[in-house]
Amino acid sequence: MKQIFDSQMPTLTLETGSKKVLMCTNEEVETVYDNPPVEGAEPVARQQYKYDVDWLEPEEKAKGPVVDAIIRTRYSLSSELAIQRHYNNSKTTYKQEWEEYNQFCEWAKEKAAEAGL
């Protein structure tokens, strides 16, 4: 279920005073009207932003633990190790799976860096 915000959110928001990190992904922008249209008058429109939201609770607010927490939103430790085993056993057969996994890991690192970690 998507959560709605009145402004565009960064991918990661570090919550002050706790270890929680808000992760917002899959942005959808929608135009909404606060008043019903009236003939001859311009409707008042505004942007509304919808996101898939996850609260991450890394061991600490440092780059490594936050990156790990982001990766765990998509890959369990077991599935991560399976991807590595598959690729080590057959690089050609599992090349696409390996590249998708690595792209997501790089994305997680970029998002942690953007958040100032």
PDB file of N, CA and C in Angstrom:
ATOM      1  N   MET A   1       0.833  -1.174   0.000  1.00  0.00           N
ATOM      2  CA  MET A   1       0.000   0.000   0.000  1.00  0.00           C
ATOM      3  C   MET A   1       0.886   1.248   0.000  1.00  0.00           C
ATOM      4  N   LYS A   2       0.576   2.154  -0.854  1.00  0.00           N
ATOM      5  CA  LYS A   2       1.385   3.363  -0.965  1.00  0.00           C
ATOM      6  C   LYS A   2       0.952   4.393   0.076  1.00  0.00           C
ATOM      7  N   GLN A   3       1.947   5.154   0.559  1.00  0.00           N
ATOM      8  CA  GLN A   3       1.669   6.260   1.454  1.00  0.00           C
ATOM      9  C   GLN A   3       1.730   7.545   0.652  1.00  0.00           C
ATOM     10  N   ILE A   4       0.907   8.519   1.056  1.00  0.00           N
ATOM     11  CA  ILE A   4       0.788   9.776   0.320  1.00  0.00           C
ATOM     12  C   ILE A   4       1.496  10.891   1.089  1.00  0.00           C
ATOM     13  N   PHE A   5       2.249  11.698   0.353  1.00  0.00           N
ATOM     14  CA  PHE A   5       2.954  12.850   0.908  1.00  0.00           C
ATOM     15  C   PHE A   5       2.616  14.077   0.066  1.00  0.00           C
ATOM     16  N   ASP A   6       2.648  15.251   0.689  1.00  0.00           N
ATOM     17  CA  ASP A   6       2.376  16.498  -0.036  1.00  0.00           C
ATOM     18  C   ASP A   6       3.596  17.018  -0.782  1.00  0.00           C
ATOM     19  N   SER A   7       4.761  16.491  -0.464  1.00  0.00           N
ATOM     20  CA  SER A   7       5.971  16.932  -1.149  1.00  0.00           C
ATOM     21  C   SER A   7       6.785  15.711  -1.561  1.00  0.00           C
ATOM     22  N   GLN A   8       7.677  15.936  -2.493  1.00  0.00           N
ATOM     23  CA  GLN A   8       8.529  14.858  -2.981  1.00  0.00           C
ATOM     24  C   GLN A   8       9.488  14.451  -1.870  1.00  0.00           C
ATOM     25  N   MET A   9       9.662  13.162  -1.667  1.00  0.00           N
ATOM     26  CA  MET A   9      10.499  12.632  -0.597  1.00  0.00           C
ATOM     27  C   MET A   9      11.817  12.121  -1.157  1.00  0.00           C
ATOM     28  N   PRO A  10      12.907  12.277  -0.393  1.00  0.00           N
ATOM     29  CA  PRO A  10      14.149  11.612  -0.798  1.00  0.00           C
ATOM     30  C   PRO A  10      13.977  10.110  -0.596  1.00  0.00           C
ATOM     31  N   THR A  11      14.808   9.320  -1.242  1.00  0.00           N
ATOM     32  CA  THR A  11      14.695   7.871  -1.098  1.00  0.00           C
ATOM     33  C   THR A  11      14.903   7.456   0.355  1.00  0.00           C
ATOM     34  N   LEU A  12      15.894   8.055   1.021  1.00  0.00           N
ATOM     35  CA  LEU A  12      16.154   7.723   2.428  1.00  0.00           C
ATOM     36  C   LEU A  12      16.042   8.976   3.283  1.00  0.00           C
ATOM     37  N   THR A  13      15.357   8.844   4.422  1.00  0.00           N
ATOM     38  CA  THR A  13      15.256   9.920   5.388  1.00  0.00           C
ATOM     39  C   THR A  13      15.692   9.366   6.737  1.00  0.00           C
ATOM     40  N   LEU A  14      16.711   9.970   7.332  1.00  0.00           N
ATOM     41  CA  LEU A  14      17.204   9.521   8.623  1.00  0.00           C
ATOM     42  C   LEU A  14      16.359  10.165   9.715  1.00  0.00           C
ATOM     43  N   GLU A  15      15.728   9.364  10.545  1.00  0.00           N
ATOM     44  CA  GLU A  15      14.881   9.903  11.610  1.00  0.00           C
ATOM     45  C   GLU A  15      15.757  10.386  12.762  1.00  0.00           C
ATOM     46  N   THR A  16      15.548  11.606  13.186  1.00  0.00           N
ATOM     47  CA  THR A  16      16.333  12.194  14.272  1.00  0.00           C
ATOM     48  C   THR A  16      15.992  11.512  15.593  1.00  0.00           C
ATOM     49  N   GLY A  17      17.020  11.198  16.372  1.00  0.00           N
ATOM     50  CA  GLY A  17      16.814  10.647  17.701  1.00  0.00           C
ATOM     51  C   GLY A  17      16.525   9.160  17.765  1.00  0.00           C
ATOM     52  N   SER A  18      16.588   8.475  16.643  1.00  0.00           N
ATOM     53  CA  SER A  18      16.399   7.017  16.666  1.00  0.00           C
ATOM     54  C   SER A  18      17.253   6.394  15.568  1.00  0.00           C
ATOM     55  N   LYS A  19      17.240   5.073  15.535  1.00  0.00           N
ATOM     56  CA  LYS A  19      18.010   4.378  14.500  1.00  0.00           C
ATOM     57  C   LYS A  19      17.192   4.154  13.235  1.00  0.00           C
ATOM     58  N   LYS A  20      15.933   4.549  13.227  1.00  0.00           N
ATOM     59  CA  LYS A  20      15.067   4.269  12.087  1.00  0.00           C
ATOM     60  C   LYS A  20      15.439   5.107  10.863  1.00  0.00           C
ATOM     61  N   VAL A  21      15.245   4.486   9.713  1.00  0.00           N
ATOM     62  CA  VAL A  21      15.478   5.144   8.429  1.00  0.00           C
ATOM     63  C   VAL A  21      14.241   4.874   7.572  1.00  0.00           C
ATOM     64  N   LEU A  22      13.651   5.942   7.040  1.00  0.00           N
ATOM     65  CA  LEU A  22      12.488   5.822   6.168  1.00  0.00           C
ATOM     66  C   LEU A  22      12.969   5.668   4.734  1.00  0.00           C
ATOM     67  N   MET A  23      12.520   4.607   4.052  1.00  0.00           N
ATOM     68  CA  MET A  23      12.889   4.384   2.661  1.00  0.00           C
ATOM     69  C   MET A  23      11.631   4.504   1.805  1.00  0.00           C
ATOM     70  N   CYS A  24      11.639   5.441   0.855  1.00  0.00           N
ATOM     71  CA  CYS A  24      10.514   5.679  -0.052  1.00  0.00           C
ATOM     72  C   CYS A  24      10.937   5.309  -1.468  1.00  0.00           C
ATOM     73  N   THR A  25      10.211   4.395  -2.094  1.00  0.00           N
ATOM     74  CA  THR A  25      10.545   3.959  -3.455  1.00  0.00           C
ATOM     75  C   THR A  25       9.286   3.936  -4.314  1.00  0.00           C
ATOM     76  N   ASN A  26       9.479   3.760  -5.601  1.00  0.00           N
ATOM     77  CA  ASN A  26       8.388   3.634  -6.574  1.00  0.00           C
ATOM     78  C   ASN A  26       7.454   4.839  -6.544  1.00  0.00           C
ATOM     79  N   GLU A  27       8.045   6.004  -6.754  1.00  0.00           N
ATOM     80  CA  GLU A  27       7.275   7.251  -6.710  1.00  0.00           C
ATOM     81  C   GLU A  27       6.217   7.308  -7.809  1.00  0.00           C
ATOM     82  N   GLU A  28       5.036   7.744  -7.427  1.00  0.00           N
ATOM     83  CA  GLU A  28       3.963   8.054  -8.367  1.00  0.00           C
ATOM     84  C   GLU A  28       3.511   9.479  -8.066  1.00  0.00           C
ATOM     85  N   VAL A  29       3.368  10.296  -9.095  1.00  0.00           N
ATOM     86  CA  VAL A  29       2.918  11.676  -8.918  1.00  0.00           C
ATOM     87  C   VAL A  29       1.511  11.775  -9.480  1.00  0.00           C
ATOM     88  N   GLU A  30       0.637  12.388  -8.718  1.00  0.00           N
ATOM     89  CA  GLU A  30      -0.750  12.502  -9.120  1.00  0.00           C
ATOM     90  C   GLU A  30      -1.208  13.947  -8.912  1.00  0.00           C
ATOM     91  N   THR A  31      -1.993  14.452  -9.825  1.00  0.00           N
ATOM     92  CA  THR A  31      -2.578  15.784  -9.663  1.00  0.00           C
ATOM     93  C   THR A  31      -3.926  15.627  -8.997  1.00  0.00           C
ATOM     94  N   VAL A  32      -4.125  16.370  -7.909  1.00  0.00           N
ATOM     95  CA  VAL A  32      -5.403  16.319  -7.192  1.00  0.00           C
ATOM     96  C   VAL A  32      -5.975  17.731  -7.127  1.00  0.00           C
ATOM     97  N   TYR A  33      -7.271  17.800  -6.991  1.00  0.00           N
ATOM     98  CA  TYR A  33      -7.976  19.078  -6.927  1.00  0.00           C
ATOM     99  C   TYR A  33      -8.610  19.218  -5.554  1.00  0.00           C
ATOM    100  N   ASP A  34      -8.316  20.332  -4.879  1.00  0.00           N
ATOM    101  CA  ASP A  34      -8.830  20.550  -3.533  1.00  0.00           C
ATOM    102  C   ASP A  34     -10.277  21.031  -3.524  1.00  0.00           C
ATOM    103  N   ASN A  35     -10.725  21.594  -4.613  1.00  0.00           N
ATOM    104  CA  ASN A  35     -12.108  22.054  -4.666  1.00  0.00           C
ATOM    105  C   ASN A  35     -12.770  21.480  -5.909  1.00  0.00           C
ATOM    106  N   PRO A  36     -14.065  21.299  -5.854  1.00  0.00           N
ATOM    107  CA  PRO A  36     -14.736  20.784  -7.053  1.00  0.00           C
ATOM    108  C   PRO A  36     -14.682  21.817  -8.172  1.00  0.00           C
ATOM    109  N   PRO A  37     -14.579  21.367  -9.405  1.00  0.00           N
ATOM    110  CA  PRO A  37     -14.534  22.306 -10.520  1.00  0.00           C
ATOM    111  C   PRO A  37     -15.816  23.151 -10.575  1.00  0.00           C
ATOM    112  N   VAL A  38     -15.644  24.429 -10.787  1.00  0.00           N
ATOM    113  CA  VAL A  38     -16.767  25.349 -10.923  1.00  0.00           C
ATOM    114  C   VAL A  38     -16.704  25.922 -12.324  1.00  0.00           C
ATOM    115  N   GLU A  39     -17.838  25.955 -12.993  1.00  0.00           N
ATOM    116  CA  GLU A  39     -17.871  26.436 -14.366  1.00  0.00           C
ATOM    117  C   GLU A  39     -17.354  27.872 -14.443  1.00  0.00           C
ATOM    118  N   GLY A  40     -16.399  28.106 -15.323  1.00  0.00           N
ATOM    119  CA  GLY A  40     -15.839  29.422 -15.531  1.00  0.00           C
ATOM    120  C   GLY A  40     -14.685  29.763 -14.602  1.00  0.00           C
ATOM    121  N   ALA A  41     -14.394  28.904 -13.634  1.00  0.00           N
ATOM    122  CA  ALA A  41     -13.290  29.174 -12.695  1.00  0.00           C
ATOM    123  C   ALA A  41     -12.194  28.142 -12.905  1.00  0.00           C
ATOM    124  N   GLU A  42     -10.958  28.571 -12.683  1.00  0.00           N
ATOM    125  CA  GLU A  42      -9.827  27.652 -12.783  1.00  0.00           C
ATOM    126  C   GLU A  42      -9.807  26.732 -11.560  1.00  0.00           C
ATOM    127  N   PRO A  43      -9.716  25.430 -11.764  1.00  0.00           N
ATOM    128  CA  PRO A  43      -9.619  24.535 -10.606  1.00  0.00           C
ATOM    129  C   PRO A  43      -8.262  24.689  -9.918  1.00  0.00           C
ATOM    130  N   VAL A  44      -8.246  24.498  -8.615  1.00  0.00           N
ATOM    131  CA  VAL A  44      -7.004  24.581  -7.849  1.00  0.00           C
ATOM    132  C   VAL A  44      -6.412  23.178  -7.784  1.00  0.00           C
ATOM    133  N   ALA A  45      -5.263  23.015  -8.423  1.00  0.00           N
ATOM    134  CA  ALA A  45      -4.622  21.697  -8.488  1.00  0.00           C
ATOM    135  C   ALA A  45      -3.325  21.711  -7.697  1.00  0.00           C
ATOM    136  N   ARG A  46      -2.956  20.553  -7.184  1.00  0.00           N
ATOM    137  CA  ARG A  46      -1.668  20.397  -6.509  1.00  0.00           C
ATOM    138  C   ARG A  46      -1.150  18.988  -6.793  1.00  0.00           C
ATOM    139  N   GLN A  47       0.144  18.827  -6.605  1.00  0.00           N
ATOM    140  CA  GLN A  47       0.778  17.525  -6.800  1.00  0.00           C
ATOM    141  C   GLN A  47       0.733  16.730  -5.507  1.00  0.00           C
ATOM    142  N   GLN A  48       0.505  15.469  -5.633  1.00  0.00           N
ATOM    143  CA  GLN A  48       0.523  14.549  -4.504  1.00  0.00           C
ATOM    144  C   GLN A  48       1.486  13.426  -4.872  1.00  0.00           C
ATOM    145  N   TYR A  49       2.295  12.998  -3.924  1.00  0.00           N
ATOM    146  CA  TYR A  49       3.324  11.991  -4.188  1.00  0.00           C
ATOM    147  C   TYR A  49       2.996  10.728  -3.414  1.00  0.00           C
ATOM    148  N   LYS A  50       3.045   9.596  -4.110  1.00  0.00           N
ATOM    149  CA  LYS A  50       2.764   8.303  -3.474  1.00  0.00           C
ATOM    150  C   LYS A  50       4.018   7.444  -3.555  1.00  0.00           C
ATOM    151  N   TYR A  51       4.303   6.748  -2.462  1.00  0.00           N
ATOM    152  CA  TYR A  51       5.497   5.905  -2.383  1.00  0.00           C
ATOM    153  C   TYR A  51       5.188   4.581  -1.700  1.00  0.00           C
ATOM    154  N   ASP A  52       5.962   3.565  -2.063  1.00  0.00           N
ATOM    155  CA  ASP A  52       6.052   2.363  -1.237  1.00  0.00           C
ATOM    156  C   ASP A  52       7.007   2.728  -0.118  1.00  0.00           C
ATOM    157  N   VAL A  53       6.610   2.489   1.113  1.00  0.00           N
ATOM    158  CA  VAL A  53       7.401   2.931   2.266  1.00  0.00           C
ATOM    159  C   VAL A  53       7.841   1.740   3.102  1.00  0.00           C
ATOM    160  N   ASP A  54       9.107   1.756   3.475  1.00  0.00           N
ATOM    161  CA  ASP A  54       9.659   0.758   4.399  1.00  0.00           C
ATOM    162  C   ASP A  54      10.385   1.505   5.503  1.00  0.00           C
ATOM    163  N   TRP A  55      10.179   1.071   6.740  1.00  0.00           N
ATOM    164  CA  TRP A  55      10.982   1.586   7.841  1.00  0.00           C
ATOM    165  C   TRP A  55      12.116   0.612   8.069  1.00  0.00           C
ATOM    166  N   LEU A  56      13.337   1.072   7.896  1.00  0.00           N
ATOM    167  CA  LEU A  56      14.512   0.242   8.115  1.00  0.00           C
ATOM    168  C   LEU A  56      15.013   0.497   9.529  1.00  0.00           C
ATOM    169  N   GLU A  57      15.516  -0.530  10.161  1.00  0.00           N
ATOM    170  CA  GLU A  57      16.107  -0.376  11.485  1.00  0.00           C
ATOM    171  C   GLU A  57      17.492  -1.004  11.489  1.00  0.00           C
ATOM    172  N   PRO A  58      18.458  -0.302  10.885  1.00  0.00           N
ATOM    173  CA  PRO A  58      19.826  -0.836  10.852  1.00  0.00           C
ATOM    174  C   PRO A  58      20.434  -0.825  12.249  1.00  0.00           C
ATOM    175  N   GLU A  59      21.492  -1.608  12.433  1.00  0.00           N
ATOM    176  CA  GLU A  59      22.168  -1.665  13.736  1.00  0.00           C
ATOM    177  C   GLU A  59      22.639  -0.283  14.165  1.00  0.00           C
ATOM    178  N   GLU A  60      23.046   0.533  13.208  1.00  0.00           N
ATOM    179  CA  GLU A  60      23.459   1.906  13.488  1.00  0.00           C
ATOM    180  C   GLU A  60      23.274   2.722  12.216  1.00  0.00           C
ATOM    181  N   LYS A  61      23.239   4.033  12.381  1.00  0.00           N
ATOM    182  CA  LYS A  61      23.105   4.915  11.213  1.00  0.00           C
ATOM    183  C   LYS A  61      24.482   5.191  10.633  1.00  0.00           C
ATOM    184  N   ALA A  62      25.002   4.191   9.973  1.00  0.00           N
ATOM    185  CA  ALA A  62      26.274   4.292   9.271  1.00  0.00           C
ATOM    186  C   ALA A  62      26.047   3.652   7.903  1.00  0.00           C
ATOM    187  N   LYS A  63      26.898   3.981   6.953  1.00  0.00           N
ATOM    188  CA  LYS A  63      26.683   3.541   5.573  1.00  0.00           C
ATOM    189  C   LYS A  63      26.517   2.020   5.454  1.00  0.00           C
ATOM    190  N   GLY A  64      27.425   1.252   6.025  1.00  0.00           N
ATOM    191  CA  GLY A  64      27.366  -0.211   5.885  1.00  0.00           C
ATOM    192  C   GLY A  64      26.064  -0.816   6.398  1.00  0.00           C
ATOM    193  N   PRO A  65      25.677  -0.551   7.652  1.00  0.00           N
ATOM    194  CA  PRO A  65      24.424  -1.115   8.156  1.00  0.00           C
ATOM    195  C   PRO A  65      23.178  -0.645   7.399  1.00  0.00           C
ATOM    196  N   VAL A  66      23.173   0.606   6.943  1.00  0.00           N
ATOM    197  CA  VAL A  66      22.013   1.095   6.182  1.00  0.00           C
ATOM    198  C   VAL A  66      21.951   0.405   4.819  1.00  0.00           C
ATOM    199  N   VAL A  67      23.089   0.258   4.156  1.00  0.00           N
ATOM    200  CA  VAL A  67      23.126  -0.453   2.873  1.00  0.00           C
ATOM    201  C   VAL A  67      22.642  -1.888   3.070  1.00  0.00           C
ATOM    202  N   ASP A  68      23.115  -2.555   4.112  1.00  0.00           N
ATOM    203  CA  ASP A  68      22.656  -3.922   4.394  1.00  0.00           C
ATOM    204  C   ASP A  68      21.145  -3.972   4.585  1.00  0.00           C
ATOM    205  N   ALA A  69      20.595  -3.008   5.332  1.00  0.00           N
ATOM    206  CA  ALA A  69      19.150  -2.981   5.583  1.00  0.00           C
ATOM    207  C   ALA A  69      18.364  -2.778   4.296  1.00  0.00           C
ATOM    208  N   ILE A  70      18.881  -1.930   3.412  1.00  0.00           N
ATOM    209  CA  ILE A  70      18.216  -1.729   2.117  1.00  0.00           C
ATOM    210  C   ILE A  70      18.246  -3.028   1.318  1.00  0.00           C
ATOM    211  N   ILE A  71      19.388  -3.667   1.264  1.00  0.00           N
ATOM    212  CA  ILE A  71      19.510  -4.925   0.512  1.00  0.00           C
ATOM    213  C   ILE A  71      18.547  -5.973   1.057  1.00  0.00           C
ATOM    214  N   ARG A  72      18.348  -6.011   2.366  1.00  0.00           N
ATOM    215  CA  ARG A  72      17.444  -7.001   2.973  1.00  0.00           C
ATOM    216  C   ARG A  72      15.984  -6.754   2.611  1.00  0.00           C
ATOM    217  N   THR A  73      15.653  -5.545   2.111  1.00  0.00           N
ATOM    218  CA  THR A  73      14.273  -5.325   1.668  1.00  0.00           C
ATOM    219  C   THR A  73      13.953  -6.134   0.415  1.00  0.00           C
ATOM    220  N   ARG A  74      14.978  -6.539  -0.311  1.00  0.00           N
ATOM    221  CA  ARG A  74      14.765  -7.320  -1.527  1.00  0.00           C
ATOM    222  C   ARG A  74      15.333  -8.732  -1.425  1.00  0.00           C
ATOM    223  N   TYR A  75      16.461  -8.886  -0.744  1.00  0.00           N
ATOM    224  CA  TYR A  75      17.146 -10.177  -0.684  1.00  0.00           C
ATOM    225  C   TYR A  75      17.368 -10.593   0.762  1.00  0.00           C
ATOM    226  N   SER A  76      16.941 -11.792   1.091  1.00  0.00           N
ATOM    227  CA  SER A  76      17.311 -12.350   2.394  1.00  0.00           C
ATOM    228  C   SER A  76      18.777 -12.767   2.302  1.00  0.00           C
ATOM    229  N   LEU A  77      19.396 -13.013   3.446  1.00  0.00           N
ATOM    230  CA  LEU A  77      20.789 -13.477   3.432  1.00  0.00           C
ATOM    231  C   LEU A  77      20.886 -14.786   2.658  1.00  0.00           C
ATOM    232  N   SER A  78      19.922 -15.663   2.853  1.00  0.00           N
ATOM    233  CA  SER A  78      19.910 -16.952   2.166  1.00  0.00           C
ATOM    234  C   SER A  78      19.845 -16.781   0.642  1.00  0.00           C
ATOM    235  N   SER A  79      18.955 -15.896   0.163  1.00  0.00           N
ATOM    236  CA  SER A  79      18.846 -15.723  -1.289  1.00  0.00           C
ATOM    237  C   SER A  79      20.078 -15.014  -1.855  1.00  0.00           C
ATOM    238  N   GLU A  80      20.660 -14.129  -1.076  1.00  0.00           N
ATOM    239  CA  GLU A  80      21.877 -13.455  -1.507  1.00  0.00           C
ATOM    240  C   GLU A  80      23.022 -14.462  -1.686  1.00  0.00           C
ATOM    241  N   LEU A  81      23.164 -15.348  -0.728  1.00  0.00           N
ATOM    242  CA  LEU A  81      24.213 -16.377  -0.829  1.00  0.00           C
ATOM    243  C   LEU A  81      23.931 -17.338  -1.975  1.00  0.00           C
ATOM    244  N   ALA A  82      22.654 -17.638  -2.214  1.00  0.00           N
ATOM    245  CA  ALA A  82      22.295 -18.520  -3.327  1.00  0.00           C
ATOM    246  C   ALA A  82      22.677 -17.888  -4.669  1.00  0.00           C
ATOM    247  N   ILE A  83      22.436 -16.591  -4.808  1.00  0.00           N
ATOM    248  CA  ILE A  83      22.814 -15.889  -6.044  1.00  0.00           C
ATOM    249  C   ILE A  83      24.323 -15.990  -6.251  1.00  0.00           C
ATOM    250  N   GLN A  84      25.073 -15.797  -5.193  1.00  0.00           N
ATOM    251  CA  GLN A  84      26.534 -15.882  -5.293  1.00  0.00           C
ATOM    252  C   GLN A  84      26.983 -17.303  -5.651  1.00  0.00           C
ATOM    253  N   ARG A  85      26.365 -18.312  -5.029  1.00  0.00           N
ATOM    254  CA  ARG A  85      26.717 -19.713  -5.354  1.00  0.00           C
ATOM    255  C   ARG A  85      26.380 -20.026  -6.807  1.00  0.00           C
ATOM    256  N   HIS A  86      25.180 -19.621  -7.239  1.00  0.00           N
ATOM    257  CA  HIS A  86      24.770 -19.878  -8.626  1.00  0.00           C
ATOM    258  C   HIS A  86      25.771 -19.276  -9.605  1.00  0.00           C
ATOM    259  N   TYR A  87      26.125 -18.023  -9.372  1.00  0.00           N
ATOM    260  CA  TYR A  87      27.030 -17.336 -10.281  1.00  0.00           C
ATOM    261  C   TYR A  87      28.414 -17.982 -10.269  1.00  0.00           C
ATOM    262  N   ASN A  88      28.890 -18.388  -9.108  1.00  0.00           N
ATOM    263  CA  ASN A  88      30.204 -19.056  -9.034  1.00  0.00           C
ATOM    264  C   ASN A  88      30.198 -20.395  -9.753  1.00  0.00           C
ATOM    265  N   ASN A  89      29.042 -21.076  -9.788  1.00  0.00           N
ATOM    266  CA  ASN A  89      28.953 -22.377 -10.451  1.00  0.00           C
ATOM    267  C   ASN A  89      28.742 -22.271 -11.959  1.00  0.00           C
ATOM    268  N   SER A  90      28.073 -21.217 -12.408  1.00  0.00           N
ATOM    269  CA  SER A  90      27.800 -21.068 -13.840  1.00  0.00           C
ATOM    270  C   SER A  90      27.604 -19.597 -14.179  1.00  0.00           C
ATOM    271  N   LYS A  91      28.680 -18.947 -14.520  1.00  0.00           N
ATOM    272  CA  LYS A  91      28.648 -17.507 -14.780  1.00  0.00           C
ATOM    273  C   LYS A  91      27.738 -17.140 -15.955  1.00  0.00           C
ATOM    274  N   THR A  92      27.671 -17.974 -16.973  1.00  0.00           N
ATOM    275  CA  THR A  92      26.827 -17.641 -18.121  1.00  0.00           C
ATOM    276  C   THR A  92      25.343 -17.850 -17.816  1.00  0.00           C
ATOM    277  N   THR A  93      24.999 -18.936 -17.158  1.00  0.00           N
ATOM    278  CA  THR A  93      23.600 -19.230 -16.854  1.00  0.00           C
ATOM    279  C   THR A  93      22.996 -18.203 -15.907  1.00  0.00           C
ATOM    280  N   TYR A  94      23.758 -17.749 -14.930  1.00  0.00           N
ATOM    281  CA  TYR A  94      23.240 -16.860 -13.887  1.00  0.00           C
ATOM    282  C   TYR A  94      23.735 -15.414 -14.015  1.00  0.00           C
ATOM    283  N   LYS A  95      24.218 -15.065 -15.208  1.00  0.00           N
ATOM    284  CA  LYS A  95      24.764 -13.725 -15.407  1.00  0.00           C
ATOM    285  C   LYS A  95      23.724 -12.634 -15.147  1.00  0.00           C
ATOM    286  N   GLN A  96      22.522 -12.768 -15.684  1.00  0.00           N
ATOM    287  CA  GLN A  96      21.494 -11.739 -15.515  1.00  0.00           C
ATOM    288  C   GLN A  96      21.095 -11.590 -14.047  1.00  0.00           C
ATOM    289  N   GLU A  97      20.893 -12.703 -13.367  1.00  0.00           N
ATOM    290  CA  GLU A  97      20.548 -12.672 -11.941  1.00  0.00           C
ATOM    291  C   GLU A  97      21.648 -11.964 -11.140  1.00  0.00           C
ATOM    292  N   TRP A  98      22.891 -12.269 -11.455  1.00  0.00           N
ATOM    293  CA  TRP A  98      24.043 -11.666 -10.779  1.00  0.00           C
ATOM    294  C   TRP A  98      24.101 -10.161 -11.031  1.00  0.00           C
ATOM    295  N   GLU A  99      23.880  -9.756 -12.287  1.00  0.00           N
ATOM    296  CA  GLU A  99      23.927  -8.330 -12.624  1.00  0.00           C
ATOM    297  C   GLU A  99      22.800  -7.551 -11.954  1.00  0.00           C
ATOM    298  N   GLU A 100      21.594  -8.121 -11.893  1.00  0.00           N
ATOM    299  CA  GLU A 100      20.472  -7.464 -11.220  1.00  0.00           C
ATOM    300  C   GLU A 100      20.765  -7.279  -9.732  1.00  0.00           C
ATOM    301  N   TYR A 101      21.316  -8.302  -9.137  1.00  0.00           N
ATOM    302  CA  TYR A 101      21.682  -8.237  -7.717  1.00  0.00           C
ATOM    303  C   TYR A 101      22.732  -7.147  -7.489  1.00  0.00           C
ATOM    304  N   ASN A 102      23.760  -7.114  -8.313  1.00  0.00           N
ATOM    305  CA  ASN A 102      24.811  -6.106  -8.161  1.00  0.00           C
ATOM    306  C   ASN A 102      24.299  -4.697  -8.419  1.00  0.00           C
ATOM    307  N   GLN A 103      23.419  -4.533  -9.384  1.00  0.00           N
ATOM    308  CA  GLN A 103      22.837  -3.214  -9.645  1.00  0.00           C
ATOM    309  C   GLN A 103      22.048  -2.723  -8.437  1.00  0.00           C
ATOM    310  N   PHE A 104      21.299  -3.617  -7.803  1.00  0.00           N
ATOM    311  CA  PHE A 104      20.534  -3.222  -6.624  1.00  0.00           C
ATOM    312  C   PHE A 104      21.474  -2.851  -5.474  1.00  0.00           C
ATOM    313  N   CYS A 105      22.544  -3.606  -5.306  1.00  0.00           N
ATOM    314  CA  CYS A 105      23.520  -3.288  -4.252  1.00  0.00           C
ATOM    315  C   CYS A 105      24.162  -1.923  -4.503  1.00  0.00           C
ATOM    316  N   GLU A 106      24.497  -1.619  -5.746  1.00  0.00           N
ATOM    317  CA  GLU A 106      25.074  -0.309  -6.081  1.00  0.00           C
ATOM    318  C   GLU A 106      24.061   0.803  -5.834  1.00  0.00           C
ATOM    319  N   TRP A 107      22.798   0.552  -6.187  1.00  0.00           N
ATOM    320  CA  TRP A 107      21.740   1.524  -5.934  1.00  0.00           C
ATOM    321  C   TRP A 107      21.620   1.798  -4.433  1.00  0.00           C
ATOM    322  N   ALA A 108      21.684   0.738  -3.622  1.00  0.00           N
ATOM    323  CA  ALA A 108      21.603   0.885  -2.162  1.00  0.00           C
ATOM    324  C   ALA A 108      22.751   1.750  -1.641  1.00  0.00           C
ATOM    325  N   LYS A 109      23.947   1.531  -2.164  1.00  0.00           N
ATOM    326  CA  LYS A 109      25.100   2.345  -1.745  1.00  0.00           C
ATOM    327  C   LYS A 109      24.922   3.804  -2.149  1.00  0.00           C
ATOM    328  N   GLU A 110      24.426   4.032  -3.359  1.00  0.00           N
ATOM    329  CA  GLU A 110      24.202   5.413  -3.820  1.00  0.00           C
ATOM    330  C   GLU A 110      23.181   6.122  -2.934  1.00  0.00           C
ATOM    331  N   LYS A 111      22.106   5.430  -2.568  1.00  0.00           N
ATOM    332  CA  LYS A 111      21.057   6.036  -1.757  1.00  0.00           C
ATOM    333  C   LYS A 111      21.569   6.347  -0.354  1.00  0.00           C
ATOM    334  N   ALA A 112      22.386   5.481   0.193  1.00  0.00           N
ATOM    335  CA  ALA A 112      22.975   5.750   1.514  1.00  0.00           C
ATOM    336  C   ALA A 112      23.904   6.970   1.445  1.00  0.00           C
ATOM    337  N   ALA A 113      24.657   7.085   0.359  1.00  0.00           N
ATOM    338  CA  ALA A 113      25.549   8.239   0.191  1.00  0.00           C
ATOM    339  C   ALA A 113      24.743   9.534   0.030  1.00  0.00           C
ATOM    340  N   GLU A 114      23.647   9.475  -0.730  1.00  0.00           N
ATOM    341  CA  GLU A 114      22.777  10.644  -0.919  1.00  0.00           C
ATOM    342  C   GLU A 114      22.184  11.112   0.418  1.00  0.00           C
ATOM    343  N   ALA A 115      21.975  10.168   1.353  1.00  0.00           N
ATOM    344  CA  ALA A 115      21.403  10.501   2.660  1.00  0.00           C
ATOM    345  C   ALA A 115      22.462  11.054   3.601  1.00  0.00           C
ATOM    346  N   GLY A 116      23.703  11.134   3.120  1.00  0.00           N
ATOM    347  CA  GLY A 116      24.771  11.710   3.928  1.00  0.00           C
ATOM    348  C   GLY A 116      25.541  10.712   4.761  1.00  0.00           C
ATOM    349  N   LEU A 117      25.429   9.448   4.415  1.00  0.00           N
ATOM    350  CA  LEU A 117      26.174   8.423   5.173  1.00  0.00           C
ATOM    351  C   LEU A 117      27.482   8.083   4.476  1.00  0.00           C
TER     352      LEU A 117
END
